[in-house]
Amino acid sequence: MGDFNHPDICWRGNTAGHKQSRKFLECVDDNFLLQVTEEPMRRGAMLDLVLTTKEGLVGDVKLKGSLGCSDHETVEFNILRAARREHSKLTTLDFRGADFGLFGDLLGRIPWDKALEGRGAQDSWLVFKGHLLQAQEQYIPTKRKSGKNTRRPVWMNKELLDKLSHETEAYRGWKQGRVACEEYRETVRAARDQARKAKALIELNLTRDVKDNKVKLL
């Protein structure tokens, strides 16, 4: 984790406008690192980055406001390490106990035209996501879940598990000289793209759950 002054980098598209930023992206790519910060922190720029070597190793990345006189946001995250299976527990959303009426009322009271005025697609999504998560925290309870699969994230489906398995095999082949570096790099990219899509689908399903319960979201 650190303060990397490359505000022109688009981490979703893995692109950059300046030469120095492109070199930084190449360095991240060459070392097979994954950047997990999703929200802008300082004047709309994403400067404080959290880099990891493995999908699912770092989670629950949140902004906690500035510390003291600093104009940077405090970043909080969890390092997810393996735990003993018999003590493994997971907190999940309990949709059966959700109050979708109040959930929809809270979102319905937000002046969306004003809240999204002058914002691009990415900023608009972050604003909407923030309000959605706030409503979720208030009106959708959580429950504790235990079992042998609790260490697996909810977005980890069979297709993604297969992709990650191929990534592991490609890594072993690369270390042993049986797989070219570029081939391994493409395998890593494919697995990480699939993981991002799976996470986005979970967020989309939350909005669909609201719609299925006949609650007016906007």
C-alpha atoms as a PDB file:
ATOM      1  CA  MET A   1       0.000   0.000   0.000  1.00  0.00           C
ATOM      2  CA  GLY A   2       1.223   3.522  -0.697  1.00  0.00           C
ATOM      3  CA  ASP A   3       0.680   6.970  -2.191  1.00  0.00           C
ATOM      4  CA  PHE A   4       1.330   6.677  -5.924  1.00  0.00           C
ATOM      5  CA  ASN A   5       0.991   9.997  -7.699  1.00  0.00           C
ATOM      6  CA  HIS A   6      -0.503   8.815 -10.992  1.00  0.00           C
ATOM      7  CA  PRO A   7      -3.972  10.437 -11.153  1.00  0.00           C
ATOM      8  CA  ASP A   8      -4.299   9.843 -14.917  1.00  0.00           C
ATOM      9  CA  ILE A   9      -4.394   6.055 -14.585  1.00  0.00           C
ATOM     10  CA  CYS A  10      -7.733   4.364 -15.273  1.00  0.00           C
ATOM     11  CA  TRP A  11      -7.527   1.152 -13.275  1.00  0.00           C
ATOM     12  CA  ARG A  12     -10.728  -0.291 -14.707  1.00  0.00           C
ATOM     13  CA  GLY A  13      -9.408  -0.051 -18.247  1.00  0.00           C
ATOM     14  CA  ASN A  14      -5.739  -0.428 -17.267  1.00  0.00           C
ATOM     15  CA  THR A  15      -4.817   2.658 -19.313  1.00  0.00           C
ATOM     16  CA  ALA A  16      -2.863   5.866 -18.644  1.00  0.00           C
ATOM     17  CA  GLY A  17      -2.273   9.157 -20.422  1.00  0.00           C
ATOM     18  CA  HIS A  18       1.282   9.984 -19.373  1.00  0.00           C
ATOM     19  CA  LYS A  19       4.441   8.056 -20.185  1.00  0.00           C
ATOM     20  CA  GLN A  20       5.517   7.733 -16.543  1.00  0.00           C
ATOM     21  CA  SER A  21       2.113   6.362 -15.582  1.00  0.00           C
ATOM     22  CA  ARG A  22       2.222   3.852 -18.422  1.00  0.00           C
ATOM     23  CA  LYS A  23       5.621   2.667 -17.166  1.00  0.00           C
ATOM     24  CA  PHE A  24       4.119   2.223 -13.706  1.00  0.00           C
ATOM     25  CA  LEU A  25       1.261   0.176 -15.172  1.00  0.00           C
ATOM     26  CA  GLU A  26       3.765  -1.980 -17.030  1.00  0.00           C
ATOM     27  CA  CYS A  27       5.693  -2.553 -13.791  1.00  0.00           C
ATOM     28  CA  VAL A  28       2.497  -3.590 -11.992  1.00  0.00           C
ATOM     29  CA  ASP A  29       1.606  -5.868 -14.890  1.00  0.00           C
ATOM     30  CA  ASP A  30       5.072  -7.401 -15.172  1.00  0.00           C
ATOM     31  CA  ASN A  31       5.021  -8.304 -11.479  1.00  0.00           C
ATOM     32  CA  PHE A  32       1.479  -9.725 -11.725  1.00  0.00           C
ATOM     33  CA  LEU A  33       0.093  -7.332  -9.117  1.00  0.00           C
ATOM     34  CA  LEU A  34      -3.577  -6.478  -8.672  1.00  0.00           C
ATOM     35  CA  GLN A  35      -4.809  -3.024  -7.601  1.00  0.00           C
ATOM     36  CA  VAL A  36      -7.898  -3.388  -5.372  1.00  0.00           C
ATOM     37  CA  THR A  37      -8.820   0.208  -4.474  1.00  0.00           C
ATOM     38  CA  GLU A  38     -12.002   1.172  -6.337  1.00  0.00           C
ATOM     39  CA  GLU A  39     -13.045   4.619  -5.087  1.00  0.00           C
ATOM     40  CA  PRO A  40     -11.299   7.944  -5.774  1.00  0.00           C
ATOM     41  CA  MET A  41      -9.771   9.566  -2.704  1.00  0.00           C
ATOM     42  CA  ARG A  42      -8.220  12.935  -3.364  1.00  0.00           C
ATOM     43  CA  ARG A  43     -10.124  15.409  -5.545  1.00  0.00           C
ATOM     44  CA  GLY A  44     -11.541  12.588  -7.609  1.00  0.00           C
ATOM     45  CA  ALA A  45      -8.135  10.963  -8.170  1.00  0.00           C
ATOM     46  CA  MET A  46      -7.124   7.472  -7.071  1.00  0.00           C
ATOM     47  CA  LEU A  47      -3.653   8.005  -5.583  1.00  0.00           C
ATOM     48  CA  ASP A  48      -3.494   5.759  -2.505  1.00  0.00           C
ATOM     49  CA  LEU A  49      -3.293   2.258  -3.919  1.00  0.00           C
ATOM     50  CA  VAL A  50      -3.500  -1.195  -2.389  1.00  0.00           C
ATOM     51  CA  LEU A  51      -1.584  -3.736  -4.469  1.00  0.00           C
ATOM     52  CA  THR A  52      -1.790  -7.484  -3.926  1.00  0.00           C
ATOM     53  CA  THR A  53      -0.312 -10.543  -5.568  1.00  0.00           C
ATOM     54  CA  LYS A  54      -3.452 -12.658  -5.372  1.00  0.00           C
ATOM     55  CA  GLU A  55      -7.185 -12.237  -5.996  1.00  0.00           C
ATOM     56  CA  GLY A  56      -9.117 -12.514  -2.735  1.00  0.00           C
ATOM     57  CA  LEU A  57      -6.114 -11.858  -0.482  1.00  0.00           C
ATOM     58  CA  VAL A  58      -7.277  -8.315   0.390  1.00  0.00           C
ATOM     59  CA  GLY A  59     -10.914  -7.412   0.994  1.00  0.00           C
ATOM     60  CA  ASP A  60     -13.341  -4.900   2.519  1.00  0.00           C
ATOM     61  CA  VAL A  61     -11.414  -1.872   1.241  1.00  0.00           C
ATOM     62  CA  LYS A  62     -13.096   1.241   2.686  1.00  0.00           C
ATOM     63  CA  LEU A  63     -12.430   4.968   2.879  1.00  0.00           C
ATOM     64  CA  LYS A  64     -12.572   6.320   6.429  1.00  0.00           C
ATOM     65  CA  GLY A  65     -12.094  10.059   5.936  1.00  0.00           C
ATOM     66  CA  SER A  66      -8.969  12.163   6.344  1.00  0.00           C
ATOM     67  CA  LEU A  67      -6.627  11.840   9.315  1.00  0.00           C
ATOM     68  CA  GLY A  68      -5.642  15.088  11.027  1.00  0.00           C
ATOM     69  CA  CYS A  69      -4.746  17.841   8.555  1.00  0.00           C
ATOM     70  CA  SER A  70      -3.997  15.432   5.709  1.00  0.00           C
ATOM     71  CA  ASP A  71      -5.935  15.901   2.476  1.00  0.00           C
ATOM     72  CA  HIS A  72      -5.676  12.159   1.802  1.00  0.00           C
ATOM     73  CA  GLU A  73      -8.362   9.649   2.772  1.00  0.00           C
ATOM     74  CA  THR A  74      -7.610   6.955   5.327  1.00  0.00           C
ATOM     75  CA  VAL A  75      -7.817   3.527   3.699  1.00  0.00           C
ATOM     76  CA  GLU A  76      -8.951   0.542   5.736  1.00  0.00           C
ATOM     77  CA  PHE A  77      -8.800  -3.028   4.452  1.00  0.00           C
ATOM     78  CA  ASN A  78      -8.634  -6.609   5.653  1.00  0.00           C
ATOM     79  CA  ILE A  79      -5.962  -9.146   4.780  1.00  0.00           C
ATOM     80  CA  LEU A  80      -7.825 -12.410   4.318  1.00  0.00           C
ATOM     81  CA  ARG A  81      -5.716 -15.301   5.484  1.00  0.00           C
ATOM     82  CA  ALA A  82      -6.561 -18.960   5.788  1.00  0.00           C
ATOM     83  CA  ALA A  83      -8.193 -19.958   9.047  1.00  0.00           C
ATOM     84  CA  ARG A  84      -8.914 -23.256  10.697  1.00  0.00           C
ATOM     85  CA  ARG A  85     -11.960 -24.727   9.054  1.00  0.00           C
ATOM     86  CA  GLU A  86     -13.746 -25.598  12.286  1.00  0.00           C
ATOM     87  CA  HIS A  87     -13.610 -21.945  13.382  1.00  0.00           C
ATOM     88  CA  SER A  88     -14.331 -20.454   9.964  1.00  0.00           C
ATOM     89  CA  LYS A  89     -17.307 -18.094   9.902  1.00  0.00           C
ATOM     90  CA  LEU A  90     -18.716 -15.744   7.321  1.00  0.00           C
ATOM     91  CA  THR A  91     -21.113 -12.820   7.602  1.00  0.00           C
ATOM     92  CA  THR A  92     -23.630 -12.693   4.753  1.00  0.00           C
ATOM     93  CA  LEU A  93     -26.695 -10.607   3.917  1.00  0.00           C
ATOM     94  CA  ASP A  94     -29.986 -12.019   5.222  1.00  0.00           C
ATOM     95  CA  PHE A  95     -32.470 -11.066   2.508  1.00  0.00           C
ATOM     96  CA  ARG A  96     -35.276 -12.992   4.222  1.00  0.00           C
ATOM     97  CA  GLY A  97     -35.141 -10.531   7.099  1.00  0.00           C
ATOM     98  CA  ALA A  98     -34.764  -7.422   4.925  1.00  0.00           C
ATOM     99  CA  ASP A  99     -37.245  -4.553   5.054  1.00  0.00           C
ATOM    100  CA  PHE A 100     -37.428  -3.719   1.356  1.00  0.00           C
ATOM    101  CA  GLY A 101     -40.185  -1.192   1.976  1.00  0.00           C
ATOM    102  CA  LEU A 102     -37.974   1.064   4.099  1.00  0.00           C
ATOM    103  CA  PHE A 103     -35.019   0.222   1.851  1.00  0.00           C
ATOM    104  CA  GLY A 104     -36.860   1.620  -1.167  1.00  0.00           C
ATOM    105  CA  ASP A 105     -38.264   4.591   0.768  1.00  0.00           C
ATOM    106  CA  LEU A 106     -34.772   5.679   1.809  1.00  0.00           C
ATOM    107  CA  LEU A 107     -33.469   5.551  -1.753  1.00  0.00           C
ATOM    108  CA  GLY A 108     -36.651   7.164  -3.056  1.00  0.00           C
ATOM    109  CA  ARG A 109     -36.112  10.247  -0.852  1.00  0.00           C
ATOM    110  CA  ILE A 110     -32.738  10.990  -2.412  1.00  0.00           C
ATOM    111  CA  PRO A 111     -32.818  13.861  -4.985  1.00  0.00           C
ATOM    112  CA  TRP A 112     -31.046  11.846  -7.666  1.00  0.00           C
ATOM    113  CA  ASP A 113     -31.122  14.580 -10.310  1.00  0.00           C
ATOM    114  CA  LYS A 114     -29.209  16.892  -7.988  1.00  0.00           C
ATOM    115  CA  ALA A 115     -26.958  14.150  -6.576  1.00  0.00           C
ATOM    116  CA  LEU A 116     -25.822  13.052 -10.043  1.00  0.00           C
ATOM    117  CA  GLU A 117     -25.805  16.459 -11.719  1.00  0.00           C
ATOM    118  CA  GLY A 118     -22.628  17.103 -13.714  1.00  0.00           C
ATOM    119  CA  ARG A 119     -21.121  13.705 -12.936  1.00  0.00           C
ATOM    120  CA  GLY A 120     -19.799  11.186 -15.406  1.00  0.00           C
ATOM    121  CA  ALA A 121     -20.823   7.549 -15.531  1.00  0.00           C
ATOM    122  CA  GLN A 122     -18.101   6.380 -13.118  1.00  0.00           C
ATOM    123  CA  ASP A 123     -18.708   9.105 -10.512  1.00  0.00           C
ATOM    124  CA  SER A 124     -22.486   8.599 -10.793  1.00  0.00           C
ATOM    125  CA  TRP A 125     -22.074   4.895 -10.151  1.00  0.00           C
ATOM    126  CA  LEU A 126     -19.941   5.554  -7.046  1.00  0.00           C
ATOM    127  CA  VAL A 127     -22.552   7.983  -5.667  1.00  0.00           C
ATOM    128  CA  PHE A 128     -25.353   5.502  -6.336  1.00  0.00           C
ATOM    129  CA  LYS A 129     -23.323   2.635  -4.865  1.00  0.00           C
ATOM    130  CA  GLY A 130     -22.630   4.634  -1.701  1.00  0.00           C
ATOM    131  CA  HIS A 131     -26.335   5.322  -1.101  1.00  0.00           C
ATOM    132  CA  LEU A 132     -27.196   1.720  -1.946  1.00  0.00           C
ATOM    133  CA  LEU A 133     -24.707   0.345   0.582  1.00  0.00           C
ATOM    134  CA  GLN A 134     -25.942   2.810   3.212  1.00  0.00           C
ATOM    135  CA  ALA A 135     -29.517   1.593   2.719  1.00  0.00           C
ATOM    136  CA  GLN A 136     -28.288  -1.997   2.754  1.00  0.00           C
ATOM    137  CA  GLU A 137     -26.546  -1.467   6.095  1.00  0.00           C
ATOM    138  CA  GLN A 138     -29.703  -0.027   7.662  1.00  0.00           C
ATOM    139  CA  TYR A 139     -32.412  -2.329   6.335  1.00  0.00           C
ATOM    140  CA  ILE A 140     -30.804  -5.623   5.305  1.00  0.00           C
ATOM    141  CA  PRO A 141     -29.574  -7.594   8.325  1.00  0.00           C
ATOM    142  CA  THR A 142     -26.616  -9.943   8.273  1.00  0.00           C
ATOM    143  CA  LYS A 143     -26.195 -13.466   9.552  1.00  0.00           C
ATOM    144  CA  ARG A 144     -23.288 -15.670  10.542  1.00  0.00           C
ATOM    145  CA  LYS A 145     -22.586 -18.660   8.363  1.00  0.00           C
ATOM    146  CA  SER A 146     -20.200 -21.495   9.056  1.00  0.00           C
ATOM    147  CA  GLY A 147     -19.007 -24.496   7.091  1.00  0.00           C
ATOM    148  CA  LYS A 148     -16.284 -25.756   4.813  1.00  0.00           C
ATOM    149  CA  ASN A 149     -17.046 -23.201   2.070  1.00  0.00           C
ATOM    150  CA  THR A 150     -17.120 -20.077   4.230  1.00  0.00           C
ATOM    151  CA  ARG A 151     -13.686 -18.918   3.121  1.00  0.00           C
ATOM    152  CA  ARG A 152     -14.946 -18.731  -0.443  1.00  0.00           C
ATOM    153  CA  PRO A 153     -16.275 -15.248  -1.403  1.00  0.00           C
ATOM    154  CA  VAL A 154     -19.922 -15.126  -2.510  1.00  0.00           C
ATOM    155  CA  TRP A 155     -18.846 -14.102  -6.022  1.00  0.00           C
ATOM    156  CA  MET A 156     -16.552 -17.126  -6.419  1.00  0.00           C
ATOM    157  CA  ASN A 157     -18.474 -19.320  -8.877  1.00  0.00           C
ATOM    158  CA  LYS A 158     -17.385 -22.550 -10.585  1.00  0.00           C
ATOM    159  CA  GLU A 159     -16.310 -20.798 -13.787  1.00  0.00           C
ATOM    160  CA  LEU A 160     -14.077 -18.428 -11.836  1.00  0.00           C
ATOM    161  CA  LEU A 161     -12.636 -21.285  -9.784  1.00  0.00           C
ATOM    162  CA  ASP A 162     -11.667 -22.990 -13.038  1.00  0.00           C
ATOM    163  CA  LYS A 163     -10.009 -19.775 -14.252  1.00  0.00           C
ATOM    164  CA  LEU A 164      -8.026 -19.453 -11.021  1.00  0.00           C
ATOM    165  CA  SER A 165      -7.037 -23.106 -11.262  1.00  0.00           C
ATOM    166  CA  HIS A 166      -5.685 -22.462 -14.760  1.00  0.00           C
ATOM    167  CA  GLU A 167      -3.807 -19.434 -13.404  1.00  0.00           C
ATOM    168  CA  THR A 168      -2.156 -21.602 -10.737  1.00  0.00           C
ATOM    169  CA  GLU A 169      -1.183 -24.234 -13.298  1.00  0.00           C
ATOM    170  CA  ALA A 170       0.180 -21.561 -15.645  1.00  0.00           C
ATOM    171  CA  TYR A 171       2.214 -20.060 -12.788  1.00  0.00           C
ATOM    172  CA  ARG A 172       3.813 -23.416 -12.033  1.00  0.00           C
ATOM    173  CA  GLY A 173       4.553 -23.918 -15.720  1.00  0.00           C
ATOM    174  CA  TRP A 174       6.083 -20.443 -15.967  1.00  0.00           C
ATOM    175  CA  LYS A 175       8.305 -21.017 -12.921  1.00  0.00           C
ATOM    176  CA  GLN A 176       9.453 -24.329 -14.409  1.00  0.00           C
ATOM    177  CA  GLY A 177      10.106 -22.813 -17.829  1.00  0.00           C
ATOM    178  CA  ARG A 178       7.310 -24.749 -19.565  1.00  0.00           C
ATOM    179  CA  VAL A 179       5.035 -21.719 -20.119  1.00  0.00           C
ATOM    180  CA  ALA A 180       6.043 -18.446 -21.766  1.00  0.00           C
ATOM    181  CA  CYS A 181       5.778 -15.276 -19.671  1.00  0.00           C
ATOM    182  CA  GLU A 182       3.280 -13.700 -22.088  1.00  0.00           C
ATOM    183  CA  GLU A 183       1.066 -16.795 -21.977  1.00  0.00           C
ATOM    184  CA  TYR A 184       1.049 -16.703 -18.182  1.00  0.00           C
ATOM    185  CA  ARG A 185       0.313 -12.973 -18.223  1.00  0.00           C
ATOM    186  CA  GLU A 186      -2.730 -13.492 -20.469  1.00  0.00           C
ATOM    187  CA  THR A 187      -3.983 -16.231 -18.144  1.00  0.00           C
ATOM    188  CA  VAL A 188      -3.667 -13.889 -15.151  1.00  0.00           C
ATOM    189  CA  ARG A 189      -5.511 -11.109 -16.978  1.00  0.00           C
ATOM    190  CA  ALA A 190      -8.346 -13.436 -17.973  1.00  0.00           C
ATOM    191  CA  ALA A 191      -8.767 -14.681 -14.400  1.00  0.00           C
ATOM    192  CA  ARG A 192      -8.764 -11.173 -12.926  1.00  0.00           C
ATOM    193  CA  ASP A 193     -11.215  -9.863 -15.529  1.00  0.00           C
ATOM    194  CA  GLN A 194     -13.540 -12.745 -14.673  1.00  0.00           C
ATOM    195  CA  ALA A 195     -13.241 -11.943 -10.951  1.00  0.00           C
ATOM    196  CA  ARG A 196     -14.137  -8.279 -11.522  1.00  0.00           C
ATOM    197  CA  LYS A 197     -17.187  -9.299 -13.572  1.00  0.00           C
ATOM    198  CA  ALA A 198     -18.300 -11.726 -10.860  1.00  0.00           C
ATOM    199  CA  LYS A 199     -18.065  -9.016  -8.180  1.00  0.00           C
ATOM    200  CA  ALA A 200     -19.992  -6.550 -10.366  1.00  0.00           C
ATOM    201  CA  LEU A 201     -22.712  -9.168 -10.913  1.00  0.00           C
ATOM    202  CA  ILE A 202     -23.214  -9.515  -7.154  1.00  0.00           C
ATOM    203  CA  GLU A 203     -23.810  -5.756  -6.895  1.00  0.00           C
ATOM    204  CA  LEU A 204     -26.208  -5.880  -9.862  1.00  0.00           C
ATOM    205  CA  ASN A 205     -28.144  -8.752  -8.300  1.00  0.00           C
ATOM    206  CA  LEU A 206     -28.728  -6.638  -5.191  1.00  0.00           C
ATOM    207  CA  THR A 207     -30.569  -4.035  -7.258  1.00  0.00           C
ATOM    208  CA  ARG A 208     -32.541  -6.799  -8.979  1.00  0.00           C
ATOM    209  CA  ASP A 209     -33.570  -8.196  -5.609  1.00  0.00           C
ATOM    210  CA  VAL A 210     -35.049  -4.818  -4.790  1.00  0.00           C
ATOM    211  CA  LYS A 211     -36.887  -4.723  -8.129  1.00  0.00           C
ATOM    212  CA  ASP A 212     -38.243  -8.256  -7.676  1.00  0.00           C
ATOM    213  CA  ASN A 213     -39.758  -7.149  -4.380  1.00  0.00           C
ATOM    214  CA  LYS A 214     -41.678  -4.458  -6.256  1.00  0.00           C
ATOM    215  CA  VAL A 215     -39.889  -1.599  -4.533  1.00  0.00           C
ATOM    216  CA  LYS A 216     -39.374   1.598  -6.487  1.00  0.00           C
ATOM    217  CA  LEU A 217     -35.611   2.121  -6.382  1.00  0.00           C
ATOM    218  CA  LEU A 218     -35.342   5.467  -8.126  1.00  0.00           C
END
